[in-house]
Amino acid sequence: VAGYAPGDPTYLLMPILALALPLAASLYLVSTQALEEVLSHPS
């Protein structure tokens, strides 16, 4: 649930996931908008 033990990655998996989810959501919206703009290019 909580805590930190050097060398034990299990204590870091939930913090990594909790931090990554909102970052992924923000980056997804930026990426999709950029791709849509590029896909509309004549080339």
PDB file of all heavy atoms in Angstrom:
ATOM      1  N   VAL A   1       0.831  -1.205   0.000  1.00  0.00           N
ATOM      2  CA  VAL A   1       0.000   0.000   0.000  1.00  0.00           C
ATOM      3  C   VAL A   1       0.866   1.256   0.000  1.00  0.00           C
ATOM      4  O   VAL A   1       0.580   2.224  -0.716  1.00  0.00           O
ATOM      5  CB  VAL A   1      -0.950  -0.001   1.205  1.00  0.00           C
ATOM      6  CG1 VAL A   1      -1.751   1.292   1.269  1.00  0.00           C
ATOM      7  CG2 VAL A   1      -1.876  -1.197   1.140  1.00  0.00           C
ATOM      8  N   ALA A   2       1.916   1.278   0.792  1.00  0.00           N
ATOM      9  CA  ALA A   2       2.747   2.473   0.921  1.00  0.00           C
ATOM     10  C   ALA A   2       4.120   2.055   1.424  1.00  0.00           C
ATOM     11  O   ALA A   2       4.346   0.917   1.835  1.00  0.00           O
ATOM     12  CB  ALA A   2       2.114   3.482   1.876  1.00  0.00           C
ATOM     13  N   GLY A   3       5.033   3.020   1.380  1.00  0.00           N
ATOM     14  CA  GLY A   3       6.385   2.784   1.861  1.00  0.00           C
ATOM     15  C   GLY A   3       7.387   2.715   0.725  1.00  0.00           C
ATOM     16  O   GLY A   3       7.029   2.780  -0.463  1.00  0.00           O
ATOM     17  N   TYR A   4       8.644   2.577   1.094  1.00  0.00           N
ATOM     18  CA  TYR A   4       9.721   2.506   0.106  1.00  0.00           C
ATOM     19  C   TYR A   4      10.820   1.608   0.644  1.00  0.00           C
ATOM     20  O   TYR A   4      11.237   1.745   1.804  1.00  0.00           O
ATOM     21  CB  TYR A   4      10.281   3.896  -0.200  1.00  0.00           C
ATOM     22  CG  TYR A   4      11.511   3.878  -1.068  1.00  0.00           C
ATOM     23  CD1 TYR A   4      11.408   3.635  -2.436  1.00  0.00           C
ATOM     24  CD2 TYR A   4      12.771   4.092  -0.529  1.00  0.00           C
ATOM     25  CE1 TYR A   4      12.528   3.601  -3.240  1.00  0.00           C
ATOM     26  CE2 TYR A   4      13.896   4.072  -1.330  1.00  0.00           C
ATOM     27  CZ  TYR A   4      13.780   3.821  -2.684  1.00  0.00           C
ATOM     28  OH  TYR A   4      14.896   3.788  -3.481  1.00  0.00           O
ATOM     29  N   ALA A   5      11.266   0.674  -0.167  1.00  0.00           N
ATOM     30  CA  ALA A   5      12.365  -0.220   0.178  1.00  0.00           C
ATOM     31  C   ALA A   5      13.362  -0.207  -0.972  1.00  0.00           C
ATOM     32  O   ALA A   5      13.004  -0.591  -2.094  1.00  0.00           O
ATOM     33  CB  ALA A   5      11.852  -1.635   0.436  1.00  0.00           C
ATOM     34  N   PRO A   6      14.587   0.250  -0.745  1.00  0.00           N
ATOM     35  CA  PRO A   6      15.580   0.274  -1.832  1.00  0.00           C
ATOM     36  C   PRO A   6      15.782  -1.112  -2.428  1.00  0.00           C
ATOM     37  O   PRO A   6      15.949  -2.101  -1.726  1.00  0.00           O
ATOM     38  CB  PRO A   6      16.850   0.773  -1.126  1.00  0.00           C
ATOM     39  CG  PRO A   6      16.365   1.504   0.083  1.00  0.00           C
ATOM     40  CD  PRO A   6      15.120   0.785   0.512  1.00  0.00           C
ATOM     41  N   GLY A   7      15.737  -1.171  -3.745  1.00  0.00           N
ATOM     42  CA  GLY A   7      15.926  -2.427  -4.443  1.00  0.00           C
ATOM     43  C   GLY A   7      14.675  -3.249  -4.641  1.00  0.00           C
ATOM     44  O   GLY A   7      14.729  -4.298  -5.304  1.00  0.00           O
ATOM     45  N   ASP A   8      13.548  -2.810  -4.077  1.00  0.00           N
ATOM     46  CA  ASP A   8      12.292  -3.538  -4.241  1.00  0.00           C
ATOM     47  C   ASP A   8      11.352  -2.714  -5.126  1.00  0.00           C
ATOM     48  O   ASP A   8      10.745  -1.736  -4.675  1.00  0.00           O
ATOM     49  CB  ASP A   8      11.645  -3.790  -2.879  1.00  0.00           C
ATOM     50  CG  ASP A   8      10.451  -4.740  -2.967  1.00  0.00           C
ATOM     51  OD1 ASP A   8      10.038  -5.053  -4.099  1.00  0.00           O
ATOM     52  OD2 ASP A   8       9.934  -5.154  -1.913  1.00  0.00           O
ATOM     53  N   PRO A   9      11.197  -3.095  -6.397  1.00  0.00           N
ATOM     54  CA  PRO A   9      10.374  -2.279  -7.313  1.00  0.00           C
ATOM     55  C   PRO A   9       8.888  -2.367  -7.044  1.00  0.00           C
ATOM     56  O   PRO A   9       8.124  -1.563  -7.589  1.00  0.00           O
ATOM     57  CB  PRO A   9      10.719  -2.844  -8.688  1.00  0.00           C
ATOM     58  CG  PRO A   9      11.141  -4.252  -8.427  1.00  0.00           C
ATOM     59  CD  PRO A   9      11.816  -4.243  -7.084  1.00  0.00           C
ATOM     60  N   THR A  10       8.444  -3.324  -6.245  1.00  0.00           N
ATOM     61  CA  THR A  10       7.009  -3.455  -6.019  1.00  0.00           C
ATOM     62  C   THR A  10       6.425  -2.242  -5.313  1.00  0.00           C
ATOM     63  O   THR A  10       5.245  -1.931  -5.480  1.00  0.00           O
ATOM     64  CB  THR A  10       6.711  -4.723  -5.188  1.00  0.00           C
ATOM     65  OG1 THR A  10       7.419  -4.648  -3.933  1.00  0.00           O
ATOM     66  CG2 THR A  10       7.167  -5.964  -5.932  1.00  0.00           C
ATOM     67  N   TYR A  11       7.250  -1.547  -4.518  1.00  0.00           N
ATOM     68  CA  TYR A  11       6.768  -0.353  -3.828  1.00  0.00           C
ATOM     69  C   TYR A  11       6.584   0.826  -4.783  1.00  0.00           C
ATOM     70  O   TYR A  11       5.951   1.815  -4.419  1.00  0.00           O
ATOM     71  CB  TYR A  11       7.739   0.049  -2.714  1.00  0.00           C
ATOM     72  CG  TYR A  11       7.682  -0.840  -1.504  1.00  0.00           C
ATOM     73  CD1 TYR A  11       8.492  -1.963  -1.406  1.00  0.00           C
ATOM     74  CD2 TYR A  11       6.818  -0.572  -0.445  1.00  0.00           C
ATOM     75  CE1 TYR A  11       8.445  -2.797  -0.294  1.00  0.00           C
ATOM     76  CE2 TYR A  11       6.761  -1.398   0.672  1.00  0.00           C
ATOM     77  CZ  TYR A  11       7.582  -2.504   0.736  1.00  0.00           C
ATOM     78  OH  TYR A  11       7.517  -3.323   1.836  1.00  0.00           O
ATOM     79  N   LEU A  12       7.150   0.725  -5.984  1.00  0.00           N
ATOM     80  CA  LEU A  12       7.104   1.848  -6.923  1.00  0.00           C
ATOM     81  C   LEU A  12       6.065   1.666  -8.027  1.00  0.00           C
ATOM     82  O   LEU A  12       5.781   2.623  -8.749  1.00  0.00           O
ATOM     83  CB  LEU A  12       8.482   2.043  -7.562  1.00  0.00           C
ATOM     84  CG  LEU A  12       9.643   2.314  -6.607  1.00  0.00           C
ATOM     85  CD1 LEU A  12      10.950   2.406  -7.387  1.00  0.00           C
ATOM     86  CD2 LEU A  12       9.411   3.583  -5.800  1.00  0.00           C
ATOM     87  N   LEU A  13       5.509   0.467  -8.164  1.00  0.00           N
ATOM     88  CA  LEU A  13       4.617   0.207  -9.295  1.00  0.00           C
ATOM     89  C   LEU A  13       3.342   1.035  -9.219  1.00  0.00           C
ATOM     90  O   LEU A  13       2.923   1.636 -10.217  1.00  0.00           O
ATOM     91  CB  LEU A  13       4.285  -1.292  -9.356  1.00  0.00           C
ATOM     92  CG  LEU A  13       5.462  -2.207  -9.700  1.00  0.00           C
ATOM     93  CD1 LEU A  13       5.002  -3.666  -9.716  1.00  0.00           C
ATOM     94  CD2 LEU A  13       6.075  -1.823 -11.037  1.00  0.00           C
ATOM     95  N   MET A  14       2.702   1.085  -8.066  1.00  0.00           N
ATOM     96  CA  MET A  14       1.477   1.883  -7.947  1.00  0.00           C
ATOM     97  C   MET A  14       1.744   3.378  -8.089  1.00  0.00           C
ATOM     98  O   MET A  14       0.978   4.077  -8.767  1.00  0.00           O
ATOM     99  CB  MET A  14       0.759   1.567  -6.633  1.00  0.00           C
ATOM    100  CG  MET A  14      -0.169   0.378  -6.726  1.00  0.00           C
ATOM    101  SD  MET A  14      -1.425   0.334  -5.423  1.00  0.00           S
ATOM    102  CE  MET A  14      -0.398   0.132  -3.978  1.00  0.00           C
ATOM    103  N   PRO A  15       2.801   3.936  -7.461  1.00  0.00           N
ATOM    104  CA  PRO A  15       3.096   5.350  -7.717  1.00  0.00           C
ATOM    105  C   PRO A  15       3.359   5.654  -9.180  1.00  0.00           C
ATOM    106  O   PRO A  15       2.923   6.692  -9.689  1.00  0.00           O
ATOM    107  CB  PRO A  15       4.338   5.608  -6.853  1.00  0.00           C
ATOM    108  CG  PRO A  15       4.262   4.604  -5.765  1.00  0.00           C
ATOM    109  CD  PRO A  15       3.639   3.392  -6.382  1.00  0.00           C
ATOM    110  N   ILE A  16       4.055   4.765  -9.866  1.00  0.00           N
ATOM    111  CA  ILE A  16       4.312   4.975 -11.296  1.00  0.00           C
ATOM    112  C   ILE A  16       3.007   4.988 -12.080  1.00  0.00           C
ATOM    113  O   ILE A  16       2.783   5.864 -12.935  1.00  0.00           O
ATOM    114  CB  ILE A  16       5.262   3.884 -11.827  1.00  0.00           C
ATOM    115  CG1 ILE A  16       6.665   4.074 -11.251  1.00  0.00           C
ATOM    116  CG2 ILE A  16       5.306   3.901 -13.354  1.00  0.00           C
ATOM    117  CD1 ILE A  16       7.613   2.940 -11.561  1.00  0.00           C
ATOM    118  N   LEU A  17       2.138   4.043 -11.793  1.00  0.00           N
ATOM    119  CA  LEU A  17       0.862   3.973 -12.503  1.00  0.00           C
ATOM    120  C   LEU A  17      -0.012   5.185 -12.193  1.00  0.00           C
ATOM    121  O   LEU A  17      -0.626   5.769 -13.106  1.00  0.00           O
ATOM    122  CB  LEU A  17       0.133   2.683 -12.122  1.00  0.00           C
ATOM    123  CG  LEU A  17      -1.202   2.413 -12.824  1.00  0.00           C
ATOM    124  CD1 LEU A  17      -0.999   2.322 -14.324  1.00  0.00           C
ATOM    125  CD2 LEU A  17      -1.841   1.139 -12.287  1.00  0.00           C
ATOM    126  N   ALA A  18      -0.075   5.577 -10.926  1.00  0.00           N
ATOM    127  CA  ALA A  18      -0.894   6.734 -10.544  1.00  0.00           C
ATOM    128  C   ALA A  18      -0.393   8.015 -11.197  1.00  0.00           C
ATOM    129  O   ALA A  18      -1.187   8.889 -11.565  1.00  0.00           O
ATOM    130  CB  ALA A  18      -0.884   6.890  -9.019  1.00  0.00           C
ATOM    131  N   LEU A  19       0.917   8.132 -11.360  1.00  0.00           N
ATOM    132  CA  LEU A  19       1.474   9.327 -11.989  1.00  0.00           C
ATOM    133  C   LEU A  19       1.362   9.285 -13.506  1.00  0.00           C
ATOM    134  O   LEU A  19       1.196  10.322 -14.158  1.00  0.00           O
ATOM    135  CB  LEU A  19       2.949   9.472 -11.574  1.00  0.00           C
ATOM    136  CG  LEU A  19       3.675  10.751 -11.971  1.00  0.00           C
ATOM    137  CD1 LEU A  19       2.978  11.981 -11.407  1.00  0.00           C
ATOM    138  CD2 LEU A  19       5.123  10.701 -11.480  1.00  0.00           C
ATOM    139  N   ALA A  20       1.400   8.085 -14.092  1.00  0.00           N
ATOM    140  CA  ALA A  20       1.420   7.967 -15.557  1.00  0.00           C
ATOM    141  C   ALA A  20       0.046   8.178 -16.178  1.00  0.00           C
ATOM    142  O   ALA A  20      -0.044   8.685 -17.302  1.00  0.00           O
ATOM    143  CB  ALA A  20       1.967   6.602 -15.959  1.00  0.00           C
ATOM    144  N   LEU A  21      -1.021   7.794 -15.485  1.00  0.00           N
ATOM    145  CA  LEU A  21      -2.354   7.837 -16.100  1.00  0.00           C
ATOM    146  C   LEU A  21      -2.778   9.240 -16.530  1.00  0.00           C
ATOM    147  O   LEU A  21      -3.172   9.437 -17.688  1.00  0.00           O
ATOM    148  CB  LEU A  21      -3.379   7.220 -15.147  1.00  0.00           C
ATOM    149  CG  LEU A  21      -3.280   5.699 -14.972  1.00  0.00           C
ATOM    150  CD1 LEU A  21      -4.307   5.204 -13.964  1.00  0.00           C
ATOM    151  CD2 LEU A  21      -3.442   4.978 -16.303  1.00  0.00           C
ATOM    152  N   PRO A  22      -2.732  10.257 -15.660  1.00  0.00           N
ATOM    153  CA  PRO A  22      -3.119  11.591 -16.137  1.00  0.00           C
ATOM    154  C   PRO A  22      -2.150  12.162 -17.164  1.00  0.00           C
ATOM    155  O   PRO A  22      -2.556  12.908 -18.057  1.00  0.00           O
ATOM    156  CB  PRO A  22      -3.150  12.434 -14.862  1.00  0.00           C
ATOM    157  CG  PRO A  22      -2.287  11.714 -13.898  1.00  0.00           C
ATOM    158  CD  PRO A  22      -2.441  10.262 -14.218  1.00  0.00           C
ATOM    159  N   LEU A  23      -0.859  11.806 -17.061  1.00  0.00           N
ATOM    160  CA  LEU A  23       0.105  12.267 -18.058  1.00  0.00           C
ATOM    161  C   LEU A  23      -0.208  11.658 -19.424  1.00  0.00           C
ATOM    162  O   LEU A  23      -0.135  12.341 -20.451  1.00  0.00           O
ATOM    163  CB  LEU A  23       1.525  11.891 -17.629  1.00  0.00           C
ATOM    164  CG  LEU A  23       2.033  12.491 -16.318  1.00  0.00           C
ATOM    165  CD1 LEU A  23       3.427  11.957 -16.013  1.00  0.00           C
ATOM    166  CD2 LEU A  23       2.059  14.011 -16.384  1.00  0.00           C
ATOM    167  N   ALA A  24      -0.550  10.383 -19.433  1.00  0.00           N
ATOM    168  CA  ALA A  24      -0.897   9.725 -20.696  1.00  0.00           C
ATOM    169  C   ALA A  24      -2.143  10.344 -21.313  1.00  0.00           C
ATOM    170  O   ALA A  24      -2.217  10.514 -22.540  1.00  0.00           O
ATOM    171  CB  ALA A  24      -1.108   8.230 -20.453  1.00  0.00           C
ATOM    172  N   ALA A  25      -3.124  10.695 -20.483  1.00  0.00           N
ATOM    173  CA  ALA A  25      -4.339  11.311 -21.005  1.00  0.00           C
ATOM    174  C   ALA A  25      -4.046  12.649 -21.663  1.00  0.00           C
ATOM    175  O   ALA A  25      -4.542  12.949 -22.759  1.00  0.00           O
ATOM    176  CB  ALA A  25      -5.356  11.477 -19.874  1.00  0.00           C
ATOM    177  N   SER A  26      -3.239  13.470 -21.013  1.00  0.00           N
ATOM    178  CA  SER A  26      -2.891  14.782 -21.587  1.00  0.00           C
ATOM    179  C   SER A  26      -2.095  14.625 -22.874  1.00  0.00           C
ATOM    180  O   SER A  26      -2.371  15.295 -23.878  1.00  0.00           O
ATOM    181  CB  SER A  26      -2.089  15.591 -20.563  1.00  0.00           C
ATOM    182  OG  SER A  26      -2.818  15.794 -19.376  1.00  0.00           O
ATOM    183  N   LEU A  27      -1.109  13.749 -22.853  1.00  0.00           N
ATOM    184  CA  LEU A  27      -0.273  13.561 -24.038  1.00  0.00           C
ATOM    185  C   LEU A  27      -1.067  12.932 -25.183  1.00  0.00           C
ATOM    186  O   LEU A  27      -0.808  13.221 -26.357  1.00  0.00           O
ATOM    187  CB  LEU A  27       0.927  12.674 -23.680  1.00  0.00           C
ATOM    188  CG  LEU A  27       2.002  12.508 -24.746  1.00  0.00           C
ATOM    189  CD1 LEU A  27       2.554  13.865 -25.168  1.00  0.00           C
ATOM    190  CD2 LEU A  27       3.131  11.627 -24.226  1.00  0.00           C
ATOM    191  N   TYR A  28      -2.047  12.104 -24.859  1.00  0.00           N
ATOM    192  CA  TYR A  28      -2.884  11.496 -25.900  1.00  0.00           C
ATOM    193  C   TYR A  28      -3.660  12.559 -26.666  1.00  0.00           C
ATOM    194  O   TYR A  28      -3.732  12.525 -27.901  1.00  0.00           O
ATOM    195  CB  TYR A  28      -3.845  10.485 -25.273  1.00  0.00           C
ATOM    196  CG  TYR A  28      -4.897   9.979 -26.230  1.00  0.00           C
ATOM    197  CD1 TYR A  28      -4.605   8.937 -27.118  1.00  0.00           C
ATOM    198  CD2 TYR A  28      -6.166  10.548 -26.273  1.00  0.00           C
ATOM    199  CE1 TYR A  28      -5.561   8.483 -28.012  1.00  0.00           C
ATOM    200  CE2 TYR A  28      -7.123  10.092 -27.162  1.00  0.00           C
ATOM    201  CZ  TYR A  28      -6.819   9.074 -28.029  1.00  0.00           C
ATOM    202  OH  TYR A  28      -7.758   8.628 -28.917  1.00  0.00           O
ATOM    203  N   LEU A  29      -4.255  13.515 -25.946  1.00  0.00           N
ATOM    204  CA  LEU A  29      -5.024  14.560 -26.626  1.00  0.00           C
ATOM    205  C   LEU A  29      -4.133  15.414 -27.513  1.00  0.00           C
ATOM    206  O   LEU A  29      -4.518  15.788 -28.625  1.00  0.00           O
ATOM    207  CB  LEU A  29      -5.730  15.429 -25.587  1.00  0.00           C
ATOM    208  CG  LEU A  29      -6.837  14.743 -24.776  1.00  0.00           C
ATOM    209  CD1 LEU A  29      -7.448  15.715 -23.776  1.00  0.00           C
ATOM    210  CD2 LEU A  29      -7.914  14.179 -25.697  1.00  0.00           C
ATOM    211  N   VAL A  30      -2.935  15.731 -27.043  1.00  0.00           N
ATOM    212  CA  VAL A  30      -2.006  16.514 -27.863  1.00  0.00           C
ATOM    213  C   VAL A  30      -1.597  15.722 -29.100  1.00  0.00           C
ATOM    214  O   VAL A  30      -1.539  16.259 -30.215  1.00  0.00           O
ATOM    215  CB  VAL A  30      -0.768  16.913 -27.029  1.00  0.00           C
ATOM    216  CG1 VAL A  30       0.256  17.625 -27.898  1.00  0.00           C
ATOM    217  CG2 VAL A  30      -1.168  17.799 -25.863  1.00  0.00           C
ATOM    218  N   SER A  31      -1.316  14.430 -28.915  1.00  0.00           N
ATOM    219  CA  SER A  31      -0.863  13.605 -30.032  1.00  0.00           C
ATOM    220  C   SER A  31      -1.951  13.428 -31.081  1.00  0.00           C
ATOM    221  O   SER A  31      -1.682  13.509 -32.285  1.00  0.00           O
ATOM    222  CB  SER A  31      -0.411  12.237 -29.511  1.00  0.00           C
ATOM    223  OG  SER A  31       0.598  12.374 -28.543  1.00  0.00           O
ATOM    224  N   THR A  32      -3.179  13.158 -30.650  1.00  0.00           N
ATOM    225  CA  THR A  32      -4.262  12.953 -31.614  1.00  0.00           C
ATOM    226  C   THR A  32      -4.558  14.218 -32.408  1.00  0.00           C
ATOM    227  O   THR A  32      -4.801  14.158 -33.621  1.00  0.00           O
ATOM    228  CB  THR A  32      -5.536  12.491 -30.898  1.00  0.00           C
ATOM    229  OG1 THR A  32      -5.832  13.388 -29.808  1.00  0.00           O
ATOM    230  CG2 THR A  32      -5.362  11.086 -30.352  1.00  0.00           C
ATOM    231  N   GLN A  33      -4.524  15.364 -31.732  1.00  0.00           N
ATOM    232  CA  GLN A  33      -4.763  16.619 -32.450  1.00  0.00           C
ATOM    233  C   GLN A  33      -3.670  16.872 -33.474  1.00  0.00           C
ATOM    234  O   GLN A  33      -3.937  17.300 -34.605  1.00  0.00           O
ATOM    235  CB  GLN A  33      -4.843  17.775 -31.456  1.00  0.00           C
ATOM    236  CG  GLN A  33      -5.143  19.115 -32.112  1.00  0.00           C
ATOM    237  CD  GLN A  33      -5.246  20.231 -31.087  1.00  0.00           C
ATOM    238  OE1 GLN A  33      -5.064  20.017 -29.892  1.00  0.00           O
ATOM    239  NE2 GLN A  33      -5.535  21.435 -31.557  1.00  0.00           N
ATOM    240  N   ALA A  34      -2.419  16.592 -33.091  1.00  0.00           N
ATOM    241  CA  ALA A  34      -1.316  16.795 -34.025  1.00  0.00           C
ATOM    242  C   ALA A  34      -1.421  15.856 -35.211  1.00  0.00           C
ATOM    243  O   ALA A  34      -1.196  16.253 -36.367  1.00  0.00           O
ATOM    244  CB  ALA A  34       0.012  16.591 -33.297  1.00  0.00           C
ATOM    245  N   LEU A  35      -1.785  14.610 -34.962  1.00  0.00           N
ATOM    246  CA  LEU A  35      -1.918  13.655 -36.063  1.00  0.00           C
ATOM    247  C   LEU A  35      -3.052  14.037 -37.011  1.00  0.00           C
ATOM    248  O   LEU A  35      -2.919  13.915 -38.237  1.00  0.00           O
ATOM    249  CB  LEU A  35      -2.151  12.255 -35.501  1.00  0.00           C
ATOM    250  CG  LEU A  35      -0.923  11.506 -34.991  1.00  0.00           C
ATOM    251  CD1 LEU A  35      -1.326  10.200 -34.336  1.00  0.00           C
ATOM    252  CD2 LEU A  35       0.073  11.250 -36.115  1.00  0.00           C
ATOM    253  N   GLU A  36      -4.162  14.497 -36.478  1.00  0.00           N
ATOM    254  CA  GLU A  36      -5.281  14.902 -37.328  1.00  0.00           C
ATOM    255  C   GLU A  36      -4.887  16.076 -38.222  1.00  0.00           C
ATOM    256  O   GLU A  36      -5.270  16.135 -39.398  1.00  0.00           O
ATOM    257  CB  GLU A  36      -6.485  15.268 -36.468  1.00  0.00           C
ATOM    258  CG  GLU A  36      -7.138  14.075 -35.788  1.00  0.00           C
ATOM    259  CD  GLU A  36      -7.698  13.084 -36.786  1.00  0.00           C
ATOM    260  OE1 GLU A  36      -8.109  13.499 -37.880  1.00  0.00           O
ATOM    261  OE2 GLU A  36      -7.710  11.879 -36.474  1.00  0.00           O
ATOM    262  N   GLU A  37      -4.128  17.018 -37.666  1.00  0.00           N
ATOM    263  CA  GLU A  37      -3.702  18.158 -38.481  1.00  0.00           C
ATOM    264  C   GLU A  37      -2.761  17.719 -39.597  1.00  0.00           C
ATOM    265  O   GLU A  37      -2.843  18.202 -40.737  1.00  0.00           O
ATOM    266  CB  GLU A  37      -3.027  19.196 -37.589  1.00  0.00           C
ATOM    267  CG  GLU A  37      -3.978  19.890 -36.617  1.00  0.00           C
ATOM    268  CD  GLU A  37      -3.263  20.878 -35.714  1.00  0.00           C
ATOM    269  OE1 GLU A  37      -2.010  20.975 -35.828  1.00  0.00           O
ATOM    270  OE2 GLU A  37      -3.930  21.546 -34.907  1.00  0.00           O
ATOM    271  N   VAL A  38      -1.843  16.804 -39.271  1.00  0.00           N
ATOM    272  CA  VAL A  38      -0.904  16.343 -40.283  1.00  0.00           C
ATOM    273  C   VAL A  38      -1.606  15.499 -41.336  1.00  0.00           C
ATOM    274  O   VAL A  38      -1.296  15.576 -42.534  1.00  0.00           O
ATOM    275  CB  VAL A  38       0.242  15.551 -39.608  1.00  0.00           C
ATOM    276  CG1 VAL A  38       1.160  14.939 -40.651  1.00  0.00           C
ATOM    277  CG2 VAL A  38       1.044  16.472 -38.691  1.00  0.00           C
ATOM    278  N   LEU A  39      -2.566  14.690 -40.934  1.00  0.00           N
ATOM    279  CA  LEU A  39      -3.277  13.834 -41.895  1.00  0.00           C
ATOM    280  C   LEU A  39      -4.101  14.632 -42.892  1.00  0.00           C
ATOM    281  O   LEU A  39      -4.453  14.125 -43.957  1.00  0.00           O
ATOM    282  CB  LEU A  39      -4.182  12.859 -41.135  1.00  0.00           C
ATOM    283  CG  LEU A  39      -3.480  11.716 -40.414  1.00  0.00           C
ATOM    284  CD1 LEU A  39      -4.464  10.928 -39.564  1.00  0.00           C
ATOM    285  CD2 LEU A  39      -2.775  10.802 -41.408  1.00  0.00           C
ATOM    286  N   SER A  40      -4.421  15.872 -42.543  1.00  0.00           N
ATOM    287  CA  SER A  40      -5.169  16.719 -43.478  1.00  0.00           C
ATOM    288  C   SER A  40      -4.269  17.430 -44.481  1.00  0.00           C
ATOM    289  O   SER A  40      -4.756  18.151 -45.348  1.00  0.00           O
ATOM    290  CB  SER A  40      -5.987  17.757 -42.697  1.00  0.00           C
ATOM    291  OG  SER A  40      -5.130  18.642 -41.982  1.00  0.00           O
ATOM    292  N   HIS A  41      -2.951  17.236 -44.388  1.00  0.00           N
ATOM    293  CA  HIS A  41      -2.026  17.872 -45.320  1.00  0.00           C
ATOM    294  C   HIS A  41      -2.190  17.271 -46.722  1.00  0.00           C
ATOM    295  O   HIS A  41      -2.467  16.076 -46.861  1.00  0.00           O
ATOM    296  CB  HIS A  41      -0.584  17.671 -44.828  1.00  0.00           C
ATOM    297  CG  HIS A  41       0.411  18.556 -45.522  1.00  0.00           C
ATOM    298  ND1 HIS A  41       1.022  18.188 -46.700  1.00  0.00           N
ATOM    299  CD2 HIS A  41       0.887  19.783 -45.208  1.00  0.00           C
ATOM    300  CE1 HIS A  41       1.845  19.151 -47.075  1.00  0.00           C
ATOM    301  NE2 HIS A  41       1.787  20.128 -46.188  1.00  0.00           N
ATOM    302  N   PRO A  42      -2.036  18.089 -47.782  1.00  0.00           N
ATOM    303  CA  PRO A  42      -2.211  17.567 -49.147  1.00  0.00           C
ATOM    304  C   PRO A  42      -1.313  16.385 -49.478  1.00  0.00           C
ATOM    305  O   PRO A  42      -1.741  15.458 -50.190  1.00  0.00           O
ATOM    306  CB  PRO A  42      -1.885  18.778 -50.028  1.00  0.00           C
ATOM    307  CG  PRO A  42      -2.198  19.963 -49.168  1.00  0.00           C
ATOM    308  CD  PRO A  42      -1.855  19.553 -47.781  1.00  0.00           C
ATOM    309  N   SER A  43      -0.079  16.375 -48.991  1.00  0.00           N
ATOM    310  CA  SER A  43       0.816  15.259 -49.312  1.00  0.00           C
ATOM    311  C   SER A  43       0.329  13.962 -48.687  1.00  0.00           C
ATOM    312  O   SER A  43       0.478  12.883 -49.271  1.00  0.00           O
ATOM    313  CB  SER A  43       2.237  15.564 -48.830  1.00  0.00           C
ATOM    314  OG  SER A  43       2.259  15.712 -47.424  1.00  0.00           O
TER     315      SER A  43
END
